[in-house]
Amino acid sequence: AGAVAVAPVQFRGVLRLPPVQLASLLPVLRNPR
């Protein structure tokens, strides 16, 4: 009936990726396992 998205992860088509966000993701992404 309606929705609220708080600090939602970006979806395809949202191209913005600030350096601070990339830094927060790297500890997980740098290990493919």
Full PDB file with SEQRES, HELIX, SHEET, SSBOND, CRYST1, ORIGX, SCALE, CONECT and MASTER records, all heavy atoms in Angstrom:
SEQRES   1 A   33  ALA GLY ALA VAL ALA VAL ALA PRO VAL GLN PHE ARG GLY          
SEQRES   2 A   33  VAL LEU ARG LEU PRO PRO VAL GLN LEU ALA SER LEU LEU          
SEQRES   3 A   33  PRO VAL LEU ARG ASN PRO ARG                                  
HELIX    1 AA1 PRO A   19  LEU A   29  1                                  11    
CRYST1    1.000    1.000    1.000  90.00  90.00  90.00 P 1           1          
ORIGX1      1.000000  0.000000  0.000000        0.00000                         
ORIGX2      0.000000  1.000000  0.000000        0.00000                         
ORIGX3      0.000000  0.000000  1.000000        0.00000                         
SCALE1      1.000000  0.000000  0.000000        0.00000                         
SCALE2      0.000000  1.000000  0.000000        0.00000                         
SCALE3      0.000000  0.000000  1.000000        0.00000                         
ATOM      1  N   ALA A   1       0.819  -1.210   0.000  1.00  0.00           N  
ATOM      2  CA  ALA A   1       0.000   0.000   0.000  1.00  0.00           C  
ATOM      3  C   ALA A   1       0.851   1.258   0.000  1.00  0.00           C  
ATOM      4  O   ALA A   1       0.348   2.353  -0.238  1.00  0.00           O  
ATOM      5  CB  ALA A   1      -0.919  -0.006   1.223  1.00  0.00           C  
ATOM      6  N   GLY A   2       2.114   1.121   0.262  1.00  0.00           N  
ATOM      7  CA  GLY A   2       3.063   2.222   0.303  1.00  0.00           C  
ATOM      8  C   GLY A   2       4.360   1.695   0.868  1.00  0.00           C  
ATOM      9  O   GLY A   2       4.406   0.582   1.415  1.00  0.00           O  
ATOM     10  N   ALA A   3       5.440   2.460   0.733  1.00  0.00           N  
ATOM     11  CA  ALA A   3       6.731   1.975   1.221  1.00  0.00           C  
ATOM     12  C   ALA A   3       7.636   3.122   1.616  1.00  0.00           C  
ATOM     13  O   ALA A   3       7.537   4.240   1.087  1.00  0.00           O  
ATOM     14  CB  ALA A   3       7.422   1.115   0.163  1.00  0.00           C  
ATOM     15  N   VAL A   4       8.520   2.811   2.552  1.00  0.00           N  
ATOM     16  CA  VAL A   4       9.568   3.721   2.991  1.00  0.00           C  
ATOM     17  C   VAL A   4      10.895   2.972   2.866  1.00  0.00           C  
ATOM     18  O   VAL A   4      11.047   1.876   3.415  1.00  0.00           O  
ATOM     19  CB  VAL A   4       9.358   4.172   4.445  1.00  0.00           C  
ATOM     20  CG1 VAL A   4      10.497   5.081   4.887  1.00  0.00           C  
ATOM     21  CG2 VAL A   4       8.011   4.878   4.601  1.00  0.00           C  
ATOM     22  N   ALA A   5      11.834   3.555   2.129  1.00  0.00           N  
ATOM     23  CA  ALA A   5      13.151   2.949   1.943  1.00  0.00           C  
ATOM     24  C   ALA A   5      14.185   3.854   2.609  1.00  0.00           C  
ATOM     25  O   ALA A   5      14.422   4.970   2.145  1.00  0.00           O  
ATOM     26  CB  ALA A   5      13.463   2.773   0.460  1.00  0.00           C  
ATOM     27  N   VAL A   6      14.771   3.375   3.699  1.00  0.00           N  
ATOM     28  CA  VAL A   6      15.728   4.151   4.485  1.00  0.00           C  
ATOM     29  C   VAL A   6      17.146   3.775   4.081  1.00  0.00           C  
ATOM     30  O   VAL A   6      17.528   2.603   4.177  1.00  0.00           O  
ATOM     31  CB  VAL A   6      15.520   3.903   5.996  1.00  0.00           C  
ATOM     32  CG1 VAL A   6      16.516   4.732   6.802  1.00  0.00           C  
ATOM     33  CG2 VAL A   6      14.087   4.220   6.412  1.00  0.00           C  
ATOM     34  N   ALA A   7      17.903   4.758   3.609  1.00  0.00           N  
ATOM     35  CA  ALA A   7      19.277   4.516   3.159  1.00  0.00           C  
ATOM     36  C   ALA A   7      19.348   3.275   2.274  1.00  0.00           C  
ATOM     37  O   ALA A   7      20.149   2.379   2.532  1.00  0.00           O  
ATOM     38  CB  ALA A   7      20.219   4.378   4.359  1.00  0.00           C  
ATOM     39  N   PRO A   8      18.505   3.210   1.225  1.00  0.00           N  
ATOM     40  CA  PRO A   8      18.444   1.989   0.419  1.00  0.00           C  
ATOM     41  C   PRO A   8      19.659   1.820  -0.494  1.00  0.00           C  
ATOM     42  O   PRO A   8      20.171   2.797  -1.060  1.00  0.00           O  
ATOM     43  CB  PRO A   8      17.175   2.202  -0.414  1.00  0.00           C  
ATOM     44  CG  PRO A   8      17.084   3.688  -0.579  1.00  0.00           C  
ATOM     45  CD  PRO A   8      17.584   4.244   0.730  1.00  0.00           C  
ATOM     46  N   VAL A   9      20.098   0.599  -0.634  1.00  0.00           N  
ATOM     47  CA  VAL A   9      21.183   0.272  -1.558  1.00  0.00           C  
ATOM     48  C   VAL A   9      20.760   0.655  -2.979  1.00  0.00           C  
ATOM     49  O   VAL A   9      19.603   0.465  -3.363  1.00  0.00           O  
ATOM     50  CB  VAL A   9      21.498  -1.232  -1.471  1.00  0.00           C  
ATOM     51  CG1 VAL A   9      22.440  -1.656  -2.586  1.00  0.00           C  
ATOM     52  CG2 VAL A   9      22.094  -1.560  -0.110  1.00  0.00           C  
ATOM     53  N   GLN A  10      21.684   1.203  -3.753  1.00  0.00           N  
ATOM     54  CA  GLN A  10      21.341   1.633  -5.096  1.00  0.00           C  
ATOM     55  C   GLN A  10      21.050   0.449  -6.008  1.00  0.00           C  
ATOM     56  O   GLN A  10      21.589  -0.644  -5.840  1.00  0.00           O  
ATOM     57  CB  GLN A  10      22.444   2.505  -5.702  1.00  0.00           C  
ATOM     58  CG  GLN A  10      23.821   1.865  -5.811  1.00  0.00           C  
ATOM     59  CD  GLN A  10      24.729   2.343  -4.705  1.00  0.00           C  
ATOM     60  OE1 GLN A  10      24.441   2.128  -3.527  1.00  0.00           O  
ATOM     61  NE2 GLN A  10      25.837   2.964  -5.067  1.00  0.00           N  
ATOM     62  N   PHE A  11      20.189   0.701  -6.992  1.00  0.00           N  
ATOM     63  CA  PHE A  11      19.811  -0.318  -7.978  1.00  0.00           C  
ATOM     64  C   PHE A  11      20.450   0.015  -9.328  1.00  0.00           C  
ATOM     65  O   PHE A  11      21.049   1.084  -9.508  1.00  0.00           O  
ATOM     66  CB  PHE A  11      18.287  -0.408  -8.091  1.00  0.00           C  
ATOM     67  CG  PHE A  11      17.580   0.910  -8.203  1.00  0.00           C  
ATOM     68  CD1 PHE A  11      17.474   1.575  -9.430  1.00  0.00           C  
ATOM     69  CD2 PHE A  11      17.015   1.504  -7.084  1.00  0.00           C  
ATOM     70  CE1 PHE A  11      16.824   2.784  -9.544  1.00  0.00           C  
ATOM     71  CE2 PHE A  11      16.355   2.732  -7.186  1.00  0.00           C  
ATOM     72  CZ  PHE A  11      16.258   3.380  -8.415  1.00  0.00           C  
ATOM     73  N   ARG A  12      20.333  -0.906 -10.264  1.00  0.00           N  
ATOM     74  CA  ARG A  12      20.906  -0.719 -11.599  1.00  0.00           C  
ATOM     75  C   ARG A  12      20.389   0.595 -12.203  1.00  0.00           C  
ATOM     76  O   ARG A  12      19.191   0.879 -12.186  1.00  0.00           O  
ATOM     77  CB  ARG A  12      20.542  -1.896 -12.495  1.00  0.00           C  
ATOM     78  CG  ARG A  12      21.056  -1.770 -13.934  1.00  0.00           C  
ATOM     79  CD  ARG A  12      20.728  -3.008 -14.749  1.00  0.00           C  
ATOM     80  NE  ARG A  12      21.012  -2.808 -16.165  1.00  0.00           N  
ATOM     81  CZ  ARG A  12      22.226  -2.926 -16.727  1.00  0.00           C  
ATOM     82  NH1 ARG A  12      23.253  -3.258 -15.966  1.00  0.00           N  
ATOM     83  NH2 ARG A  12      22.392  -2.728 -18.022  1.00  0.00           N  
ATOM     84  N   GLY A  13      21.298   1.380 -12.731  1.00  0.00           N  
ATOM     85  CA  GLY A  13      20.930   2.662 -13.307  1.00  0.00           C  
ATOM     86  C   GLY A  13      21.348   3.829 -12.437  1.00  0.00           C  
ATOM     87  O   GLY A  13      21.460   4.957 -12.932  1.00  0.00           O  
ATOM     88  N   VAL A  14      21.572   3.585 -11.158  1.00  0.00           N  
ATOM     89  CA  VAL A  14      22.111   4.609 -10.265  1.00  0.00           C  
ATOM     90  C   VAL A  14      23.631   4.472 -10.310  1.00  0.00           C  
ATOM     91  O   VAL A  14      24.192   3.494  -9.808  1.00  0.00           O  
ATOM     92  CB  VAL A  14      21.592   4.443  -8.823  1.00  0.00           C  
ATOM     93  CG1 VAL A  14      22.215   5.492  -7.906  1.00  0.00           C  
ATOM     94  CG2 VAL A  14      20.068   4.542  -8.797  1.00  0.00           C  
ATOM     95  N   LEU A  15      24.277   5.426 -10.934  1.00  0.00           N  
ATOM     96  CA  LEU A  15      25.703   5.288 -11.224  1.00  0.00           C  
ATOM     97  C   LEU A  15      26.605   5.868 -10.144  1.00  0.00           C  
ATOM     98  O   LEU A  15      27.812   5.606 -10.144  1.00  0.00           O  
ATOM     99  CB  LEU A  15      26.017   5.974 -12.559  1.00  0.00           C  
ATOM    100  CG  LEU A  15      25.234   5.444 -13.772  1.00  0.00           C  
ATOM    101  CD1 LEU A  15      25.624   6.225 -15.025  1.00  0.00           C  
ATOM    102  CD2 LEU A  15      25.464   3.954 -13.968  1.00  0.00           C  
ATOM    103  N   ARG A  16      26.062   6.622  -9.262  1.00  0.00           N  
ATOM    104  CA  ARG A  16      26.895   7.286  -8.252  1.00  0.00           C  
ATOM    105  C   ARG A  16      27.477   6.270  -7.270  1.00  0.00           C  
ATOM    106  O   ARG A  16      26.751   5.451  -6.701  1.00  0.00           O  
ATOM    107  CB  ARG A  16      26.090   8.338  -7.505  1.00  0.00           C  
ATOM    108  CG  ARG A  16      26.925   9.171  -6.559  1.00  0.00           C  
ATOM    109  CD  ARG A  16      26.205  10.416  -6.111  1.00  0.00           C  
ATOM    110  NE  ARG A  16      27.035  11.231  -5.238  1.00  0.00           N  
ATOM    111  CZ  ARG A  16      28.015  12.023  -5.640  1.00  0.00           C  
ATOM    112  NH1 ARG A  16      28.270  12.135  -6.922  1.00  0.00           N  
ATOM    113  NH2 ARG A  16      28.736  12.715  -4.778  1.00  0.00           N  
ATOM    114  N   LEU A  17      28.797   6.319  -7.071  1.00  0.00           N  
ATOM    115  CA  LEU A  17      29.488   5.454  -6.122  1.00  0.00           C  
ATOM    116  C   LEU A  17      30.580   6.283  -5.444  1.00  0.00           C  
ATOM    117  O   LEU A  17      31.728   6.285  -5.878  1.00  0.00           O  
ATOM    118  CB  LEU A  17      30.088   4.230  -6.826  1.00  0.00           C  
ATOM    119  CG  LEU A  17      30.806   3.217  -5.926  1.00  0.00           C  
ATOM    120  CD1 LEU A  17      29.838   2.589  -4.935  1.00  0.00           C  
ATOM    121  CD2 LEU A  17      31.483   2.140  -6.771  1.00  0.00           C  
ATOM    122  N   PRO A  18      30.244   7.002  -4.379  1.00  0.00           N  
ATOM    123  CA  PRO A  18      31.229   7.850  -3.699  1.00  0.00           C  
ATOM    124  C   PRO A  18      32.384   7.026  -3.140  1.00  0.00           C  
ATOM    125  O   PRO A  18      32.207   5.857  -2.763  1.00  0.00           O  
ATOM    126  CB  PRO A  18      30.409   8.490  -2.567  1.00  0.00           C  
ATOM    127  CG  PRO A  18      28.985   8.376  -3.003  1.00  0.00           C  
ATOM    128  CD  PRO A  18      28.914   7.097  -3.779  1.00  0.00           C  
ATOM    129  N   PRO A  19      33.578   7.598  -3.073  1.00  0.00           N  
ATOM    130  CA  PRO A  19      34.736   6.874  -2.532  1.00  0.00           C  
ATOM    131  C   PRO A  19      34.498   6.314  -1.141  1.00  0.00           C  
ATOM    132  O   PRO A  19      34.952   5.215  -0.826  1.00  0.00           O  
ATOM    133  CB  PRO A  19      35.840   7.933  -2.538  1.00  0.00           C  
ATOM    134  CG  PRO A  19      35.454   8.876  -3.626  1.00  0.00           C  
ATOM    135  CD  PRO A  19      33.963   8.923  -3.598  1.00  0.00           C  
ATOM    136  N   VAL A  20      33.770   7.044  -0.278  1.00  0.00           N  
ATOM    137  CA  VAL A  20      33.549   6.571   1.082  1.00  0.00           C  
ATOM    138  C   VAL A  20      32.681   5.301   1.071  1.00  0.00           C  
ATOM    139  O   VAL A  20      32.876   4.404   1.897  1.00  0.00           O  
ATOM    140  CB  VAL A  20      32.902   7.673   1.948  1.00  0.00           C  
ATOM    141  CG1 VAL A  20      31.466   7.980   1.496  1.00  0.00           C  
ATOM    142  CG2 VAL A  20      32.924   7.287   3.415  1.00  0.00           C  
ATOM    143  N   GLN A  21      31.766   5.208   0.126  1.00  0.00           N  
ATOM    144  CA  GLN A  21      30.944   3.997   0.024  1.00  0.00           C  
ATOM    145  C   GLN A  21      31.788   2.825  -0.478  1.00  0.00           C  
ATOM    146  O   GLN A  21      31.694   1.707   0.043  1.00  0.00           O  
ATOM    147  CB  GLN A  21      29.765   4.226  -0.911  1.00  0.00           C  
ATOM    148  CG  GLN A  21      28.825   3.013  -0.987  1.00  0.00           C  
ATOM    149  CD  GLN A  21      27.658   3.232  -1.922  1.00  0.00           C  
ATOM    150  OE1 GLN A  21      27.760   3.955  -2.921  1.00  0.00           O  
ATOM    151  NE2 GLN A  21      26.532   2.599  -1.622  1.00  0.00           N  
ATOM    152  N   LEU A  22      32.601   3.065  -1.484  1.00  0.00           N  
ATOM    153  CA  LEU A  22      33.480   2.014  -1.997  1.00  0.00           C  
ATOM    154  C   LEU A  22      34.401   1.499  -0.906  1.00  0.00           C  
ATOM    155  O   LEU A  22      34.613   0.288  -0.764  1.00  0.00           O  
ATOM    156  CB  LEU A  22      34.289   2.554  -3.173  1.00  0.00           C  
ATOM    157  CG  LEU A  22      35.232   1.561  -3.852  1.00  0.00           C  
ATOM    158  CD1 LEU A  22      34.458   0.379  -4.420  1.00  0.00           C  
ATOM    159  CD2 LEU A  22      36.024   2.260  -4.964  1.00  0.00           C  
ATOM    160  N   ALA A  23      34.930   2.398  -0.084  1.00  0.00           N  
ATOM    161  CA  ALA A  23      35.809   1.993   1.006  1.00  0.00           C  
ATOM    162  C   ALA A  23      35.086   1.102   2.008  1.00  0.00           C  
ATOM    163  O   ALA A  23      35.678   0.178   2.576  1.00  0.00           O  
ATOM    164  CB  ALA A  23      36.382   3.220   1.701  1.00  0.00           C  
ATOM    165  N   SER A  24      33.803   1.371   2.239  1.00  0.00           N  
ATOM    166  CA  SER A  24      33.043   0.558   3.188  1.00  0.00           C  
ATOM    167  C   SER A  24      32.771  -0.845   2.642  1.00  0.00           C  
ATOM    168  O   SER A  24      32.570  -1.783   3.407  1.00  0.00           O  
ATOM    169  CB  SER A  24      31.726   1.251   3.545  1.00  0.00           C  
ATOM    170  OG  SER A  24      30.791   1.168   2.487  1.00  0.00           O  
ATOM    171  N   LEU A  25      32.764  -0.987   1.309  1.00  0.00           N  
ATOM    172  CA  LEU A  25      32.465  -2.274   0.680  1.00  0.00           C  
ATOM    173  C   LEU A  25      33.705  -3.136   0.457  1.00  0.00           C  
ATOM    174  O   LEU A  25      33.603  -4.366   0.418  1.00  0.00           O  
ATOM    175  CB  LEU A  25      31.778  -2.046  -0.672  1.00  0.00           C  
ATOM    176  CG  LEU A  25      30.433  -1.335  -0.667  1.00  0.00           C  
ATOM    177  CD1 LEU A  25      29.982  -1.055  -2.095  1.00  0.00           C  
ATOM    178  CD2 LEU A  25      29.392  -2.167   0.065  1.00  0.00           C  
ATOM    179  N   LEU A  26      34.848  -2.503   0.295  1.00  0.00           N  
ATOM    180  CA  LEU A  26      36.056  -3.233  -0.106  1.00  0.00           C  
ATOM    181  C   LEU A  26      36.450  -4.376   0.824  1.00  0.00           C  
ATOM    182  O   LEU A  26      36.921  -5.414   0.338  1.00  0.00           O  
ATOM    183  CB  LEU A  26      37.223  -2.258  -0.265  1.00  0.00           C  
ATOM    184  CG  LEU A  26      37.252  -1.482  -1.587  1.00  0.00           C  
ATOM    185  CD1 LEU A  26      38.437  -0.531  -1.616  1.00  0.00           C  
ATOM    186  CD2 LEU A  26      37.308  -2.442  -2.778  1.00  0.00           C  
ATOM    187  N   PRO A  27      36.301  -4.243   2.151  1.00  0.00           N  
ATOM    188  CA  PRO A  27      36.690  -5.374   2.999  1.00  0.00           C  
ATOM    189  C   PRO A  27      35.969  -6.678   2.649  1.00  0.00           C  
ATOM    190  O   PRO A  27      36.510  -7.758   2.871  1.00  0.00           O  
ATOM    191  CB  PRO A  27      36.307  -4.895   4.416  1.00  0.00           C  
ATOM    192  CG  PRO A  27      36.415  -3.410   4.337  1.00  0.00           C  
ATOM    193  CD  PRO A  27      35.916  -3.072   2.963  1.00  0.00           C  
ATOM    194  N   VAL A  28      34.774  -6.580   2.100  1.00  0.00           N  
ATOM    195  CA  VAL A  28      34.034  -7.776   1.683  1.00  0.00           C  
ATOM    196  C   VAL A  28      34.359  -8.127   0.235  1.00  0.00           C  
ATOM    197  O   VAL A  28      34.654  -9.278  -0.089  1.00  0.00           O  
ATOM    198  CB  VAL A  28      32.511  -7.570   1.837  1.00  0.00           C  
ATOM    199  CG1 VAL A  28      31.754  -8.792   1.323  1.00  0.00           C  
ATOM    200  CG2 VAL A  28      32.164  -7.305   3.290  1.00  0.00           C  
ATOM    201  N   LEU A  29      34.338  -7.149  -0.643  1.00  0.00           N  
ATOM    202  CA  LEU A  29      34.466  -7.403  -2.074  1.00  0.00           C  
ATOM    203  C   LEU A  29      35.858  -7.869  -2.496  1.00  0.00           C  
ATOM    204  O   LEU A  29      35.999  -8.541  -3.527  1.00  0.00           O  
ATOM    205  CB  LEU A  29      34.098  -6.145  -2.860  1.00  0.00           C  
ATOM    206  CG  LEU A  29      32.666  -5.634  -2.684  1.00  0.00           C  
ATOM    207  CD1 LEU A  29      32.459  -4.362  -3.515  1.00  0.00           C  
ATOM    208  CD2 LEU A  29      31.646  -6.695  -3.076  1.00  0.00           C  
ATOM    209  N   ARG A  30      36.890  -7.522  -1.732  1.00  0.00           N  
ATOM    210  CA  ARG A  30      38.236  -7.888  -2.170  1.00  0.00           C  
ATOM    211  C   ARG A  30      38.534  -9.380  -2.003  1.00  0.00           C  
ATOM    212  O   ARG A  30      39.551  -9.868  -2.501  1.00  0.00           O  
ATOM    213  CB  ARG A  30      39.272  -7.068  -1.419  1.00  0.00           C  
ATOM    214  CG  ARG A  30      39.357  -7.310   0.066  1.00  0.00           C  
ATOM    215  CD  ARG A  30      40.279  -6.299   0.724  1.00  0.00           C  
ATOM    216  NE  ARG A  30      40.297  -6.426   2.169  1.00  0.00           N  
ATOM    217  CZ  ARG A  30      40.805  -5.502   2.987  1.00  0.00           C  
ATOM    218  NH1 ARG A  30      41.341  -4.398   2.469  1.00  0.00           N  
ATOM    219  NH2 ARG A  30      40.795  -5.667   4.287  1.00  0.00           N  
ATOM    220  N   ASN A  31      37.644 -10.100  -1.331  1.00  0.00           N  
ATOM    221  CA  ASN A  31      37.794 -11.556  -1.205  1.00  0.00           C  
ATOM    222  C   ASN A  31      36.657 -12.236  -1.958  1.00  0.00           C  
ATOM    223  O   ASN A  31      35.529 -12.301  -1.455  1.00  0.00           O  
ATOM    224  CB  ASN A  31      37.776 -11.970   0.266  1.00  0.00           C  
ATOM    225  CG  ASN A  31      38.033 -13.459   0.444  1.00  0.00           C  
ATOM    226  OD1 ASN A  31      38.079 -14.222  -0.524  1.00  0.00           O  
ATOM    227  ND2 ASN A  31      38.193 -13.897   1.688  1.00  0.00           N  
ATOM    228  N   PRO A  32      36.893 -12.761  -3.172  1.00  0.00           N  
ATOM    229  CA  PRO A  32      35.824 -13.359  -3.978  1.00  0.00           C  
ATOM    230  C   PRO A  32      35.112 -14.515  -3.283  1.00  0.00           C  
ATOM    231  O   PRO A  32      33.946 -14.804  -3.600  1.00  0.00           O  
ATOM    232  CB  PRO A  32      36.560 -13.848  -5.234  1.00  0.00           C  
ATOM    233  CG  PRO A  32      37.800 -13.034  -5.291  1.00  0.00           C  
ATOM    234  CD  PRO A  32      38.183 -12.781  -3.862  1.00  0.00           C  
ATOM    235  N   ARG A  33      35.771 -15.167  -2.333  1.00  0.00           N  
ATOM    236  CA  ARG A  33      35.126 -16.285  -1.644  1.00  0.00           C  
ATOM    237  C   ARG A  33      33.941 -15.834  -0.799  1.00  0.00           C  
ATOM    238  O   ARG A  33      33.071 -16.637  -0.459  1.00  0.00           O  
ATOM    239  CB  ARG A  33      36.145 -17.020  -0.776  1.00  0.00           C  
ATOM    240  CG  ARG A  33      37.195 -17.800  -1.574  1.00  0.00           C  
ATOM    241  CD  ARG A  33      38.186 -18.482  -0.666  1.00  0.00           C  
ATOM    242  NE  ARG A  33      38.979 -17.498   0.093  1.00  0.00           N  
ATOM    243  CZ  ARG A  33      39.928 -17.819   0.967  1.00  0.00           C  
ATOM    244  NH1 ARG A  33      40.195 -19.099   1.206  1.00  0.00           N  
ATOM    245  NH2 ARG A  33      40.611 -16.882   1.590  1.00  0.00           N  
TER     246      ARG A  33                                                      
MASTER        0    0    0    1    0    0    0    6  245    1    0    3          
END                                                                             
